[in-house]
């Protein structure tokens, strides 16, 4: 299963819920998309693709979630279900403000909070950006997905 959408749209929350209720293995693409560099730099696509394929090979039932349409496209042929977390930008911004500390991404809550302003701006630009993490990229990915497809547009659809 693939889950994708804007930052703070609820991808990780939904993935964790599905993993706990349906016994799926979980891959958060943030864990393999970046090189350990300052400033942040994307890992070459072939390296990330190899990690995604290894995850798929090692797990029968899985969910892969993230905002990287290029990486999700690697997993798309192996997935029979796609969920597009297409929540309004203002809802994503509010979700980001309430987000708990993510220790797999930040060394401390303070480090995460220092990044919040940049994150909120990035979320707000989602409809206009043209990168692999943009609304246009996600809309195109959703159209390329086959099998079961679902678009979630409200937080209350997660319950």
Protein backbone atom coordinates (compact mmCIF):
# COMPACT_ATOMS: atom_id res chain seq x y z
CA UNK A 1 0.00 0.00 0.00
CA UNK A 2 1.16 3.52 -0.81
CA UNK A 3 0.23 6.59 1.25
CA UNK A 4 1.25 10.02 0.02
CA UNK A 5 0.40 13.70 0.32
CA UNK A 6 1.59 17.03 1.68
CA UNK A 7 3.74 17.20 4.77
CA UNK A 8 1.60 16.93 7.93
CA UNK A 9 -1.37 15.53 6.02
CA UNK A 10 -1.51 12.45 8.26
CA UNK A 11 0.52 9.95 6.21
CA UNK A 12 2.56 8.62 9.14
CA UNK A 13 -0.43 8.59 11.48
CA UNK A 14 -2.48 6.52 9.05
CA UNK A 15 0.44 4.22 8.23
CA UNK A 16 1.09 3.51 11.92
CA UNK A 17 -2.61 2.84 12.51
CA UNK A 18 -2.75 0.40 9.58
CA UNK A 19 0.43 -1.33 10.73
CA UNK A 20 -0.95 -1.87 14.22
CA UNK A 21 -4.40 -3.06 13.08
CA UNK A 22 -3.47 -5.00 9.95
CA UNK A 23 0.05 -6.20 10.77
CA UNK A 24 1.72 -4.36 7.90
CA UNK A 25 5.41 -3.50 7.78
CA UNK A 26 6.05 0.25 7.57
CA UNK A 27 8.55 2.23 5.51
CA UNK A 28 8.71 6.00 5.99
CA UNK A 29 10.48 7.35 2.91
CA UNK A 30 12.06 10.16 4.95
CA UNK A 31 14.34 7.48 6.43
CA UNK A 32 15.98 6.72 3.08
CA UNK A 33 15.50 9.79 0.89
CA UNK A 34 18.34 11.89 2.33
CA UNK A 35 22.09 11.71 2.63
CA UNK A 36 23.54 12.54 6.08
CA UNK A 37 24.73 15.97 4.92
CA UNK A 38 24.38 19.60 5.95
CA UNK A 39 22.66 21.21 4.20
CA UNK A 40 20.28 18.33 3.46
CA UNK A 41 20.84 16.61 0.13
CA UNK A 42 18.71 13.96 -1.56
CA UNK A 43 20.23 10.52 -1.90
CA UNK A 44 20.67 9.45 -5.54
CA UNK A 45 17.44 7.89 -6.79
CA UNK A 46 19.04 4.50 -7.65
CA UNK A 47 20.28 4.13 -4.05
CA UNK A 48 16.87 4.93 -2.56
CA UNK A 49 15.17 2.68 -5.14
CA UNK A 50 17.39 -0.25 -4.14
CA UNK A 51 16.42 0.24 -0.48
CA UNK A 52 12.71 0.37 -1.39
CA UNK A 53 12.98 -2.81 -3.46
CA UNK A 54 14.84 -4.56 -0.62
CA UNK A 55 12.07 -3.55 1.80
CA UNK A 56 9.39 -4.88 -0.56
CA UNK A 57 11.31 -8.15 -1.07
CA UNK A 58 11.66 -8.62 2.70
CA UNK A 59 8.01 -7.95 3.58
CA UNK A 60 4.86 -9.58 2.26
CA UNK A 61 2.39 -7.02 3.56
CA UNK A 62 3.55 -3.42 3.75
CA UNK A 63 2.78 0.27 3.65
CA UNK A 64 5.19 2.80 2.18
CA UNK A 65 4.47 6.42 2.97
CA UNK A 66 5.99 9.74 2.07
CA UNK A 67 5.78 12.79 -0.09
CA UNK A 68 8.36 11.76 -2.73
CA UNK A 69 6.46 10.89 -5.92
CA UNK A 70 9.68 9.72 -7.59
CA UNK A 71 10.32 7.18 -4.80
CA UNK A 72 6.69 6.12 -4.58
CA UNK A 73 6.79 5.42 -8.31
CA UNK A 74 9.45 2.77 -7.59
CA UNK A 75 7.00 0.93 -5.32
CA UNK A 76 3.87 1.63 -7.37
CA UNK A 77 4.08 -1.50 -9.59
CA UNK A 78 4.14 -3.69 -6.46
CA UNK A 79 1.22 -1.97 -4.75
CA UNK A 80 -2.44 -2.81 -5.14
CA UNK A 81 -3.68 0.15 -3.10
CA UNK A 82 -2.96 3.89 -2.96
CA UNK A 83 -4.18 6.51 -0.51
CA UNK A 84 -3.75 10.18 -1.41
CA UNK A 85 -3.85 12.33 1.73
CA UNK A 86 -5.26 15.41 -0.02
CA UNK A 87 -6.09 17.61 2.97
CA UNK A 88 -6.37 21.39 2.67
CA UNK A 89 -3.09 23.27 3.19
CA UNK A 90 -4.43 25.10 6.26
CA UNK A 91 -5.24 21.77 7.92
CA UNK A 92 -1.73 20.47 7.17
CA UNK A 93 -0.25 23.64 8.69
CA UNK A 94 -2.29 23.16 11.86
CA UNK A 95 -1.31 19.47 11.99
CA UNK A 96 2.36 20.47 11.69
CA UNK A 97 2.02 22.91 14.58
CA UNK A 98 0.58 20.11 16.77
CA UNK A 99 2.99 17.40 15.59
CA UNK A 100 4.76 15.53 18.40
CA UNK A 101 8.54 15.21 18.40
CA UNK A 102 9.78 12.88 15.65
CA UNK A 103 12.97 11.34 17.08
CA UNK A 104 13.69 9.46 13.84
CA UNK A 105 14.03 12.84 12.08
CA UNK A 106 15.30 15.26 14.77
CA UNK A 107 17.78 14.93 17.63
CA UNK A 108 15.47 16.85 19.98
CA UNK A 109 12.11 18.60 20.18
CA UNK A 110 14.01 21.91 20.12
CA UNK A 111 15.72 20.93 16.85
CA UNK A 112 12.35 20.05 15.35
CA UNK A 113 10.85 23.34 16.52
CA UNK A 114 13.74 25.30 14.95
CA UNK A 115 12.71 23.81 11.60
CA UNK A 116 8.99 24.59 12.02
CA UNK A 117 8.95 27.95 10.23
CA UNK A 118 10.64 26.47 7.15
CA UNK A 119 8.28 23.49 7.24
CA UNK A 120 5.17 25.69 7.45
CA UNK A 121 6.32 27.72 4.44
CA UNK A 122 7.04 24.53 2.51
CA UNK A 123 3.59 23.13 3.34
CA UNK A 124 1.95 26.39 2.23
CA UNK A 125 3.71 26.22 -1.16
CA UNK A 126 2.44 22.66 -1.86
CA UNK A 127 -0.16 23.60 -4.52
CA UNK A 128 2.25 25.81 -6.50
CA UNK A 129 5.50 23.85 -6.25
CA UNK A 130 6.47 21.62 -9.16
CA UNK A 131 8.94 19.31 -7.38
CA UNK A 132 8.48 15.61 -6.66
CA UNK A 133 6.76 16.47 -3.35
CA UNK A 134 4.18 18.84 -4.83
CA UNK A 135 0.44 18.60 -5.35
CA UNK A 136 0.87 18.31 -9.15
CA UNK A 137 3.31 15.40 -8.67
CA UNK A 138 0.94 13.67 -6.23
CA UNK A 139 -2.08 14.19 -8.45
CA UNK A 140 -0.20 12.65 -11.40
CA UNK A 141 0.99 9.74 -9.22
CA UNK A 142 -2.59 9.09 -8.06
CA UNK A 143 -3.72 8.92 -11.69
CA UNK A 144 -0.95 6.37 -12.47
CA UNK A 145 -1.94 4.11 -9.58
CA UNK A 146 -4.09 1.11 -10.36
CA UNK A 147 -6.04 -1.14 -8.07
CA UNK A 148 -7.84 0.30 -5.09
CA UNK A 149 -7.47 4.09 -4.79
CA UNK A 150 -8.74 6.39 -2.08
CA UNK A 151 -8.45 10.13 -1.56
CA UNK A 152 -8.73 11.44 2.01
CA UNK A 153 -9.65 15.12 2.25
CA UNK A 154 -10.44 15.53 5.98
CA UNK A 155 -8.76 14.54 9.25
CA UNK A 156 -11.95 12.86 10.45
CA UNK A 157 -11.73 10.36 7.59
CA UNK A 158 -8.76 8.81 9.42
CA UNK A 159 -10.90 7.51 12.28
